[in-house]
C-alpha atoms as a PDB file:
ATOM      1  CA  MET A   1       6.977  -0.611  49.832  1.00  0.00           C
ATOM      2  CA  ALA A   2       9.909  -2.990  49.461  1.00  0.00           C
ATOM      3  CA  LEU A   3       9.184  -5.973  47.244  1.00  0.00           C
ATOM      4  CA  LEU A   4      10.974  -9.304  47.686  1.00  0.00           C
ATOM      5  CA  LEU A   5      11.498 -10.985  44.329  1.00  0.00           C
ATOM      6  CA  THR A   6      10.900 -14.737  44.493  1.00  0.00           C
ATOM      7  CA  GLY A   7      13.862 -16.685  43.150  1.00  0.00           C
ATOM      8  CA  CYS A   8      16.345 -13.868  43.754  1.00  0.00           C
ATOM      9  CA  ALA A   9      17.665 -14.707  47.205  1.00  0.00           C
ATOM     10  CA  GLY A  10      17.834 -11.643  49.402  1.00  0.00           C
ATOM     11  CA  LEU A  11      17.076  -9.176  46.578  1.00  0.00           C
ATOM     12  CA  ARG A  12      14.658  -6.434  47.578  1.00  0.00           C
ATOM     13  CA  ILE A  13      13.410  -3.677  45.298  1.00  0.00           C
ATOM     14  CA  ASP A  14      11.862  -0.539  46.741  1.00  0.00           C
ATOM     15  CA  ASP A  15       8.799   0.298  44.630  1.00  0.00           C
ATOM     16  CA  SER A  16       7.674   3.345  46.597  1.00  0.00           C
ATOM     17  CA  HIS A  17       8.955   6.046  44.186  1.00  0.00           C
ATOM     18  CA  ARG A  18       7.632   6.441  40.647  1.00  0.00           C
ATOM     19  CA  SER A  19       9.106   8.749  37.996  1.00  0.00           C
ATOM     20  CA  GLN A  20       6.776  11.094  36.172  1.00  0.00           C
ATOM     21  CA  ASN A  21       9.181  11.030  33.204  1.00  0.00           C
ATOM     22  CA  GLN A  22       7.720   8.102  31.270  1.00  0.00           C
ATOM     23  CA  ASP A  23       5.131   7.091  28.728  1.00  0.00           C
ATOM     24  CA  SER A  24       3.855   3.974  26.992  1.00  0.00           C
ATOM     25  CA  ARG A  25       6.161   1.816  24.914  1.00  0.00           C
ATOM     26  CA  VAL A  26       3.292   1.624  22.401  1.00  0.00           C
ATOM     27  CA  LEU A  27       3.754   4.315  19.749  1.00  0.00           C
ATOM     28  CA  PHE A  28       1.720   2.931  16.837  1.00  0.00           C
ATOM     29  CA  LEU A  29      -1.563   1.171  16.143  1.00  0.00           C
ATOM     30  CA  VAL A  30      -1.600  -0.943  12.976  1.00  0.00           C
ATOM     31  CA  MET A  31      -4.744  -2.090  11.155  1.00  0.00           C
ATOM     32  CA  HIS A  32      -4.795  -5.363   9.196  1.00  0.00           C
ATOM     33  CA  TYR A  33      -7.229  -7.665   7.468  1.00  0.00           C
ATOM     34  CA  THR A  34      -6.711 -11.410   7.777  1.00  0.00           C
ATOM     35  CA  VAL A  35      -7.191 -12.648   4.166  1.00  0.00           C
ATOM     36  CA  GLY A  36      -9.143 -15.601   5.539  1.00  0.00           C
ATOM     37  CA  ASN A  37     -12.153 -16.665   7.573  1.00  0.00           C
ATOM     38  CA  PHE A  38     -12.240 -16.677  11.362  1.00  0.00           C
ATOM     39  CA  GLU A  39     -11.169 -20.293  11.838  1.00  0.00           C
ATOM     40  CA  SER A  40      -8.160 -20.100   9.509  1.00  0.00           C
ATOM     41  CA  SER A  41      -7.178 -16.675  10.852  1.00  0.00           C
ATOM     42  CA  LEU A  42      -7.300 -17.806  14.469  1.00  0.00           C
ATOM     43  CA  LYS A  43      -5.175 -20.837  13.628  1.00  0.00           C
ATOM     44  CA  THR A  44      -2.605 -18.740  11.760  1.00  0.00           C
ATOM     45  CA  LEU A  45      -2.366 -16.148  14.522  1.00  0.00           C
ATOM     46  CA  THR A  46      -2.135 -18.520  17.479  1.00  0.00           C
ATOM     47  CA  GLU A  47      -0.418 -21.754  16.433  1.00  0.00           C
ATOM     48  CA  PRO A  48       3.290 -22.371  15.702  1.00  0.00           C
ATOM     49  CA  SER A  49       4.337 -22.453  12.051  1.00  0.00           C
ATOM     50  CA  SER A  50       7.390 -22.116   9.828  1.00  0.00           C
ATOM     51  CA  ALA A  51       6.607 -18.390   9.492  1.00  0.00           C
ATOM     52  CA  PRO A  52       4.869 -17.518  12.783  1.00  0.00           C
ATOM     53  CA  VAL A  53       2.647 -14.441  12.953  1.00  0.00           C
ATOM     54  CA  SER A  54       0.408 -12.984  15.643  1.00  0.00           C
ATOM     55  CA  SER A  55      -1.511  -9.878  16.599  1.00  0.00           C
ATOM     56  CA  HIS A  56      -2.739  -8.390  19.822  1.00  0.00           C
ATOM     57  CA  TYR A  57      -6.402  -8.462  18.778  1.00  0.00           C
ATOM     58  CA  LEU A  58      -8.570 -10.343  16.309  1.00  0.00           C
ATOM     59  CA  VAL A  59     -12.003  -8.928  15.446  1.00  0.00           C
ATOM     60  CA  SER A  60     -14.404 -11.540  14.040  1.00  0.00           C
ATOM     61  CA  GLU A  61     -17.341 -10.715  11.752  1.00  0.00           C
ATOM     62  CA  ASP A  62     -20.181 -13.186  12.384  1.00  0.00           C
ATOM     63  CA  PRO A  63     -20.767 -12.870  15.231  1.00  0.00           C
ATOM     64  CA  VAL A  64     -18.697  -9.771  15.937  1.00  0.00           C
ATOM     65  CA  ARG A  65     -16.366 -10.364  18.842  1.00  0.00           C
ATOM     66  CA  ILE A  66     -12.968  -9.042  19.930  1.00  0.00           C
ATOM     67  CA  TYR A  67     -10.375 -11.638  20.892  1.00  0.00           C
ATOM     68  CA  ARG A  68      -7.207 -10.702  22.754  1.00  0.00           C
ATOM     69  CA  LEU A  69      -4.468 -13.007  21.435  1.00  0.00           C
ATOM     70  CA  VAL A  70      -1.367 -11.272  22.796  1.00  0.00           C
ATOM     71  CA  ASP A  71      -1.171  -9.094  25.881  1.00  0.00           C
ATOM     72  CA  GLU A  72      -0.458  -5.452  25.053  1.00  0.00           C
ATOM     73  CA  SER A  73       2.652  -5.565  27.239  1.00  0.00           C
ATOM     74  CA  ARG A  74       4.198  -8.141  24.899  1.00  0.00           C
ATOM     75  CA  ARG A  75       5.377  -7.923  21.303  1.00  0.00           C
ATOM     76  CA  ALA A  76       3.188  -9.475  18.610  1.00  0.00           C
ATOM     77  CA  TRP A  77       4.580 -10.398  15.207  1.00  0.00           C
ATOM     78  CA  HIS A  78       2.304  -8.537  12.819  1.00  0.00           C
ATOM     79  CA  ALA A  79       4.142  -5.584  11.253  1.00  0.00           C
ATOM     80  CA  GLY A  80       7.018  -7.326   9.455  1.00  0.00           C
ATOM     81  CA  PRO A  81       9.853  -5.287   7.887  1.00  0.00           C
ATOM     82  CA  SER A  82       8.012  -2.029   8.476  1.00  0.00           C
ATOM     83  CA  TYR A  83       8.723   1.716   8.503  1.00  0.00           C
ATOM     84  CA  TRP A  84       6.769   4.869   9.322  1.00  0.00           C
ATOM     85  CA  LYS A  85       7.940   8.423  10.001  1.00  0.00           C
ATOM     86  CA  GLY A  86      11.517   7.514  10.909  1.00  0.00           C
ATOM     87  CA  HIS A  87      10.661   4.394  12.895  1.00  0.00           C
ATOM     88  CA  ALA A  88      11.567   0.929  11.595  1.00  0.00           C
ATOM     89  CA  GLY A  89      10.676  -2.538  12.866  1.00  0.00           C
ATOM     90  CA  LEU A  90       7.289  -1.505  14.270  1.00  0.00           C
ATOM     91  CA  ASN A  91       6.585  -4.854  15.961  1.00  0.00           C
ATOM     92  CA  ALA A  92       8.506  -3.591  18.974  1.00  0.00           C
ATOM     93  CA  SER A  93       6.484  -0.384  19.341  1.00  0.00           C
ATOM     94  CA  SER A  94       2.981  -1.135  18.105  1.00  0.00           C
ATOM     95  CA  ILE A  95      -0.322  -2.850  18.782  1.00  0.00           C
ATOM     96  CA  GLY A  96      -1.806  -4.841  15.921  1.00  0.00           C
ATOM     97  CA  ILE A  97      -5.515  -5.305  15.188  1.00  0.00           C
ATOM     98  CA  GLU A  98      -6.409  -8.079  12.735  1.00  0.00           C
ATOM     99  CA  ILE A  99      -9.894  -7.765  11.223  1.00  0.00           C
ATOM    100  CA  VAL A 100     -11.424 -10.934   9.801  1.00  0.00           C
ATOM    101  CA  ASN A 101     -11.893 -10.203   6.100  1.00  0.00           C
ATOM    102  CA  THR A 102     -10.957 -12.152   2.991  1.00  0.00           C
ATOM    103  CA  GLY A 103      -9.315  -9.102   1.439  1.00  0.00           C
ATOM    104  CA  GLY A 104      -8.876  -8.595  -2.281  1.00  0.00           C
ATOM    105  CA  THR A 105      -9.345 -11.019  -5.175  1.00  0.00           C
ATOM    106  CA  ARG A 106      -7.888 -10.381  -8.620  1.00  0.00           C
ATOM    107  CA  ARG A 107     -10.334 -10.007 -11.546  1.00  0.00           C
ATOM    108  CA  PRO A 108      -9.613 -11.288 -15.061  1.00  0.00           C
ATOM    109  CA  ASP A 109      -9.089  -7.688 -16.209  1.00  0.00           C
ATOM    110  CA  GLY A 110      -6.306  -7.246 -13.649  1.00  0.00           C
ATOM    111  CA  GLY A 111      -8.345  -5.145 -11.214  1.00  0.00           C
ATOM    112  CA  TRP A 112      -9.275  -6.057  -7.656  1.00  0.00           C
ATOM    113  CA  ASP A 113     -12.494  -6.776  -5.815  1.00  0.00           C
ATOM    114  CA  PHE A 114     -12.484  -6.226  -2.041  1.00  0.00           C
ATOM    115  CA  LYS A 115     -14.947  -7.521   0.513  1.00  0.00           C
ATOM    116  CA  PRO A 116     -16.801  -4.845   2.541  1.00  0.00           C
ATOM    117  CA  PHE A 117     -16.506  -4.770   6.317  1.00  0.00           C
ATOM    118  CA  PRO A 118     -19.829  -5.336   8.134  1.00  0.00           C
ATOM    119  CA  PRO A 119     -20.977  -2.185  10.013  1.00  0.00           C
ATOM    120  CA  GLU A 120     -21.059  -4.035  13.350  1.00  0.00           C
ATOM    121  CA  GLN A 121     -17.461  -5.133  12.871  1.00  0.00           C
ATOM    122  CA  ILE A 122     -16.352  -1.575  12.166  1.00  0.00           C
ATOM    123  CA  GLU A 123     -18.192  -0.377  15.282  1.00  0.00           C
ATOM    124  CA  ALA A 124     -16.147  -2.847  17.305  1.00  0.00           C
ATOM    125  CA  VAL A 125     -12.893  -1.760  15.648  1.00  0.00           C
ATOM    126  CA  VAL A 126     -13.640   1.919  16.266  1.00  0.00           C
ATOM    127  CA  ALA A 127     -14.481   1.329  19.930  1.00  0.00           C
ATOM    128  CA  LEU A 128     -11.397  -0.843  20.451  1.00  0.00           C
ATOM    129  CA  THR A 129      -9.241   1.788  18.749  1.00  0.00           C
ATOM    130  CA  LYS A 130     -10.580   4.519  21.010  1.00  0.00           C
ATOM    131  CA  ASP A 131      -9.848   2.423  24.070  1.00  0.00           C
ATOM    132  CA  ILE A 132      -6.278   1.594  23.005  1.00  0.00           C
ATOM    133  CA  VAL A 133      -5.518   5.183  21.963  1.00  0.00           C
ATOM    134  CA  ALA A 134      -6.829   6.588  25.242  1.00  0.00           C
ATOM    135  CA  ARG A 135      -4.754   4.233  27.357  1.00  0.00           C
ATOM    136  CA  HIS A 136      -1.499   4.550  25.410  1.00  0.00           C
ATOM    137  CA  LYS A 137      -1.918   8.147  24.201  1.00  0.00           C
ATOM    138  CA  ILE A 138      -1.106   7.114  20.630  1.00  0.00           C
ATOM    139  CA  ARG A 139      -0.716  10.135  18.377  1.00  0.00           C
ATOM    140  CA  PRO A 140      -3.310  10.423  15.560  1.00  0.00           C
ATOM    141  CA  GLU A 141      -0.727  10.284  12.767  1.00  0.00           C
ATOM    142  CA  ARG A 142       0.550   6.973  14.158  1.00  0.00           C
ATOM    143  CA  ILE A 143      -2.645   5.010  13.490  1.00  0.00           C
ATOM    144  CA  VAL A 144      -1.708   3.318  10.225  1.00  0.00           C
ATOM    145  CA  GLY A 145      -2.510   0.469   7.891  1.00  0.00           C
ATOM    146  CA  HIS A 146      -0.254  -2.493   7.238  1.00  0.00           C
ATOM    147  CA  GLY A 147      -0.050  -1.454   3.590  1.00  0.00           C
ATOM    148  CA  GLU A 148       1.344   1.943   4.566  1.00  0.00           C
ATOM    149  CA  ILE A 149       4.162   0.617   6.723  1.00  0.00           C
ATOM    150  CA  GLN A 150       4.962  -2.288   4.352  1.00  0.00           C
ATOM    151  CA  PRO A 151       3.723  -1.140   0.902  1.00  0.00           C
ATOM    152  CA  ARG A 152       5.936  -3.402  -1.193  1.00  0.00           C
ATOM    153  CA  SER A 153       4.082  -6.552  -0.151  1.00  0.00           C
ATOM    154  CA  LYS A 154       0.886  -5.620   1.759  1.00  0.00           C
ATOM    155  CA  GLN A 155      -2.398  -3.888   0.937  1.00  0.00           C
ATOM    156  CA  ASP A 156      -4.403  -4.329   4.118  1.00  0.00           C
ATOM    157  CA  PRO A 157      -6.720  -3.107   5.431  1.00  0.00           C
ATOM    158  CA  GLY A 158      -7.526  -2.196   1.812  1.00  0.00           C
ATOM    159  CA  PRO A 159      -9.588   0.522   0.106  1.00  0.00           C
ATOM    160  CA  LEU A 160     -12.879  -0.415   1.785  1.00  0.00           C
ATOM    161  CA  PHE A 161     -11.591   0.160   5.312  1.00  0.00           C
ATOM    162  CA  PRO A 162     -13.381   3.358   6.459  1.00  0.00           C
ATOM    163  CA  TRP A 163     -10.478   5.634   7.364  1.00  0.00           C
ATOM    164  CA  LYS A 164     -12.796   8.642   7.000  1.00  0.00           C
ATOM    165  CA  ARG A 165     -14.950   7.165   9.771  1.00  0.00           C
ATOM    166  CA  LEU A 166     -11.931   7.112  12.072  1.00  0.00           C
ATOM    167  CA  ALA A 167     -11.328  10.749  11.156  1.00  0.00           C
ATOM    168  CA  GLU A 168     -14.944  11.613  11.983  1.00  0.00           C
ATOM    169  CA  GLU A 169     -14.440   9.988  15.382  1.00  0.00           C
ATOM    170  CA  GLY A 170     -11.433  12.249  16.033  1.00  0.00           C
ATOM    171  CA  LEU A 171      -8.943   9.373  15.929  1.00  0.00           C
ATOM    172  CA  ILE A 172      -6.889  10.360  12.882  1.00  0.00           C
ATOM    173  CA  PRO A 173      -6.324  13.644  11.019  1.00  0.00           C
ATOM    174  CA  TRP A 174      -7.889  14.249   7.612  1.00  0.00           C
ATOM    175  CA  PRO A 175      -6.836  16.509   4.720  1.00  0.00           C
ATOM    176  CA  ASP A 176      -8.613  19.865   4.672  1.00  0.00           C
ATOM    177  CA  GLU A 177     -11.156  19.437   1.864  1.00  0.00           C
ATOM    178  CA  ALA A 178     -11.238  23.103   0.830  1.00  0.00           C
ATOM    179  CA  LEU A 179      -7.449  23.176   0.609  1.00  0.00           C
ATOM    180  CA  VAL A 180      -7.398  19.929  -1.393  1.00  0.00           C
ATOM    181  CA  ALA A 181      -9.901  21.353  -3.902  1.00  0.00           C
ATOM    182  CA  GLN A 182      -7.815  24.497  -4.301  1.00  0.00           C
ATOM    183  CA  LEU A 183      -4.589  22.546  -4.760  1.00  0.00           C
ATOM    184  CA  LYS A 184      -6.188  20.100  -7.187  1.00  0.00           C
ATOM    185  CA  ALA A 185      -7.145  22.945  -9.521  1.00  0.00           C
ATOM    186  CA  GLN A 186      -3.554  24.163  -9.343  1.00  0.00           C
ATOM    187  CA  TYR A 187      -2.037  20.764 -10.108  1.00  0.00           C
ATOM    188  CA  GLU A 188      -4.450  20.156 -12.979  1.00  0.00           C
ATOM    189  CA  GLN A 189      -2.636  23.003 -14.723  1.00  0.00           C
ATOM    190  CA  GLN A 190       0.858  21.675 -13.977  1.00  0.00           C
ATOM    191  CA  LEU A 191       1.526  18.282 -12.407  1.00  0.00           C
ATOM    192  CA  PRO A 192       4.724  17.994 -10.313  1.00  0.00           C
ATOM    193  CA  ASP A 193       7.452  15.656 -11.523  1.00  0.00           C
ATOM    194  CA  LEU A 194       8.062  12.199 -10.083  1.00  0.00           C
ATOM    195  CA  ALA A 195      10.817  13.414  -7.754  1.00  0.00           C
ATOM    196  CA  TRP A 196       8.284  15.736  -6.079  1.00  0.00           C
ATOM    197  CA  PHE A 197       5.904  12.822  -5.451  1.00  0.00           C
ATOM    198  CA  GLN A 198       8.736  10.701  -4.045  1.00  0.00           C
ATOM    199  CA  ALA A 199       9.855  13.485  -1.726  1.00  0.00           C
ATOM    200  CA  LYS A 200       6.304  14.143  -0.523  1.00  0.00           C
ATOM    201  CA  LEU A 201       5.644  10.449   0.117  1.00  0.00           C
ATOM    202  CA  GLY A 202       8.770  10.323   2.280  1.00  0.00           C
ATOM    203  CA  GLU A 203       7.759  13.507   4.078  1.00  0.00           C
ATOM    204  CA  HIS A 204       4.327  12.025   4.746  1.00  0.00           C
ATOM    205  CA  GLY A 205       5.814   8.973   6.468  1.00  0.00           C
ATOM    206  CA  PHE A 206       6.754   6.297   3.929  1.00  0.00           C
ATOM    207  CA  ALA A 207      10.267   4.883   3.781  1.00  0.00           C
ATOM    208  CA  PRO A 208      12.338   7.225   1.593  1.00  0.00           C
ATOM    209  CA  ALA A 209      13.163   5.970  -1.875  1.00  0.00           C
ATOM    210  CA  HIS A 210      16.715   4.704  -2.306  1.00  0.00           C
ATOM    211  CA  SER A 211      18.852   6.207  -5.017  1.00  0.00           C
ATOM    212  CA  ALA A 212      18.533   3.001  -7.070  1.00  0.00           C
ATOM    213  CA  ASP A 213      14.749   3.449  -7.091  1.00  0.00           C
ATOM    214  CA  LEU A 214      14.799   7.014  -8.338  1.00  0.00           C
ATOM    215  CA  GLU A 215      13.961   7.029 -12.023  1.00  0.00           C
ATOM    216  CA  GLU A 216      12.385   9.416 -14.481  1.00  0.00           C
ATOM    217  CA  THR A 217       9.616   6.873 -15.127  1.00  0.00           C
ATOM    218  CA  LEU A 218       7.261   5.562 -12.455  1.00  0.00           C
ATOM    219  CA  ASP A 219       9.017   2.759 -10.559  1.00  0.00           C
ATOM    220  CA  ALA A 220       7.415  -0.090  -8.597  1.00  0.00           C
ATOM    221  CA  TYR A 221       8.598   1.292  -5.254  1.00  0.00           C
ATOM    222  CA  THR A 222       6.876   4.657  -5.754  1.00  0.00           C
ATOM    223  CA  ARG A 223       3.805   3.055  -7.327  1.00  0.00           C
ATOM    224  CA  ASP A 224       3.262   0.804  -4.284  1.00  0.00           C
ATOM    225  CA  GLN A 225       3.496   3.783  -1.946  1.00  0.00           C
ATOM    226  CA  LEU A 226       1.044   5.775  -4.073  1.00  0.00           C
ATOM    227  CA  ILE A 227      -1.423   2.864  -4.028  1.00  0.00           C
ATOM    228  CA  ALA A 228      -1.233   2.668  -0.227  1.00  0.00           C
ATOM    229  CA  PHE A 229      -1.714   6.449   0.044  1.00  0.00           C
ATOM    230  CA  GLN A 230      -4.641   6.463  -2.392  1.00  0.00           C
ATOM    231  CA  MET A 231      -6.342   3.529  -0.659  1.00  0.00           C
ATOM    232  CA  ARG A 232      -6.466   5.610   2.497  1.00  0.00           C
ATOM    233  CA  TYR A 233      -7.317   9.077   1.198  1.00  0.00           C
ATOM    234  CA  ARG A 234      -8.783   8.467  -2.282  1.00  0.00           C
ATOM    235  CA  PRO A 235     -10.193   4.906  -2.226  1.00  0.00           C
ATOM    236  CA  ALA A 236     -12.379   5.411  -5.291  1.00  0.00           C
ATOM    237  CA  ARG A 237      -9.235   5.142  -7.439  1.00  0.00           C
ATOM    238  CA  TYR A 238      -6.018   3.479  -6.303  1.00  0.00           C
ATOM    239  CA  ASP A 239      -4.059   2.832  -9.498  1.00  0.00           C
ATOM    240  CA  GLY A 240      -0.738   4.160  -8.187  1.00  0.00           C
ATOM    241  CA  VAL A 241      -0.608   6.817 -10.909  1.00  0.00           C
ATOM    242  CA  PRO A 242       0.530  10.330  -9.940  1.00  0.00           C
ATOM    243  CA  ASP A 243      -2.337  12.679 -10.772  1.00  0.00           C
ATOM    244  CA  ALA A 244      -3.620  16.097  -9.737  1.00  0.00           C
ATOM    245  CA  GLU A 245      -5.892  14.855  -6.939  1.00  0.00           C
ATOM    246  CA  THR A 246      -3.166  12.667  -5.436  1.00  0.00           C
ATOM    247  CA  ALA A 247      -0.738  15.601  -5.633  1.00  0.00           C
ATOM    248  CA  ALA A 248      -3.264  17.839  -3.871  1.00  0.00           C
ATOM    249  CA  LEU A 249      -3.816  15.288  -1.112  1.00  0.00           C
ATOM    250  CA  LEU A 250      -0.073  14.758  -0.636  1.00  0.00           C
ATOM    251  CA  ASP A 251       0.524  18.496  -0.533  1.00  0.00           C
ATOM    252  CA  ALA A 252      -2.228  18.969   2.058  1.00  0.00           C
ATOM    253  CA  CYS A 253      -0.954  16.070   4.172  1.00  0.00           C
ATOM    254  CA  THR A 254       2.557  17.513   4.320  1.00  0.00           C
ATOM    255  CA  ARG A 255       1.956  21.230   4.863  1.00  0.00           C
ATOM    256  CA  PRO A 256       1.272  22.895   8.246  1.00  0.00           C
ATOM    257  CA  GLY A 257      -2.460  22.932   8.925  1.00  0.00           C
ATOM    258  CA  GLY A 258      -3.257  20.777   5.915  1.00  0.00           C
ATOM    259  CA  LEU A 259      -4.229  17.824   8.093  1.00  0.00           C
ATOM    260  CA  LYS A 260      -6.918  18.483  10.685  1.00  0.00           C
ATOM    261  CA  LEU A 261      -8.571  16.592  13.515  1.00  0.00           C
ATOM    262  CA  LEU A 262     -12.290  16.860  12.855  1.00  0.00           C
ATOM    263  CA  LYS A 263     -13.157  16.574  16.549  1.00  0.00           C
ATOM    264  CA  PRO A 264     -11.516  15.512  19.838  1.00  0.00           C
ATOM    265  CA  ALA A 265     -11.491  11.744  20.326  1.00  0.00           C
ATOM    266  CA  GLU A 266     -13.300  10.333  23.335  1.00  0.00           C
ATOM    267  CA  ARG A 267     -12.664   7.011  24.991  1.00  0.00           C
ATOM    268  CA  VAL A 268     -15.446   4.473  24.627  1.00  0.00           C
ATOM    269  CA  PRO A 269     -15.009   1.550  27.071  1.00  0.00           C
ATOM    270  CA  TYR A 270     -15.384  -1.764  25.344  1.00  0.00           C
ATOM    271  CA  THR A 271     -14.020  -4.108  27.977  1.00  0.00           C
ATOM    272  CA  SER A 272     -17.076  -6.336  28.007  1.00  0.00           C
ATOM    273  CA  ARG A 273     -16.350  -7.449  24.454  1.00  0.00           C
ATOM    274  CA  TYR A 274     -12.745  -8.657  24.769  1.00  0.00           C
END
């Protein structure tokens, strides 16, 4: 069928042939928390400001509802100066999901307290994720947190986001637990040096450390990456310190067969909620 484009005098485009050599422009799915309540989050994500931000979806908590703020065909401004597995500037190739949650608050002792996600809210996030992944064929290793793609300045979605639940739904891969236990015993005898951790973090997907960041003592750049990694795979302790369990998890995540899909993901339609 020939299509006449309005406003382009005499220009006709024949739309009758479609190439099979194509895929979605969406390569990544990025999880965030809002660090605010619904009203403030909606305002921040939709209204102009001196530092404008947006996301494709906003998932409220009480009541739970999915709001589409930016069409998936358009770029939202949610990922910032990001990097994952060789790709930089992920705004152009990702869909962002903002989850209403106040995030972390600093305690007097220097630690952090994070607010749990309500189960109903997580159900909505999981269903929305399945729907997006099915439509765009997003690869499991490309479902990431904001803190992973921008670890120097972000922590979201934080240590209480249930990444293991996404693994149990077949959406993301998870380290083989038997292998991790075996490797942990090995690394308890001899912990790798800092250069090994830096190399493994880069192999896993983080932005490689620059030569100026490479030191014999733990630097802030590596520490931030370790915190982001631990928040995802070892949320009970996310101090950014290289230890035997973190080494075992990194080793499993970067060796063939060390990461496994626990089951095939299935699409769950959720169109009535957004």
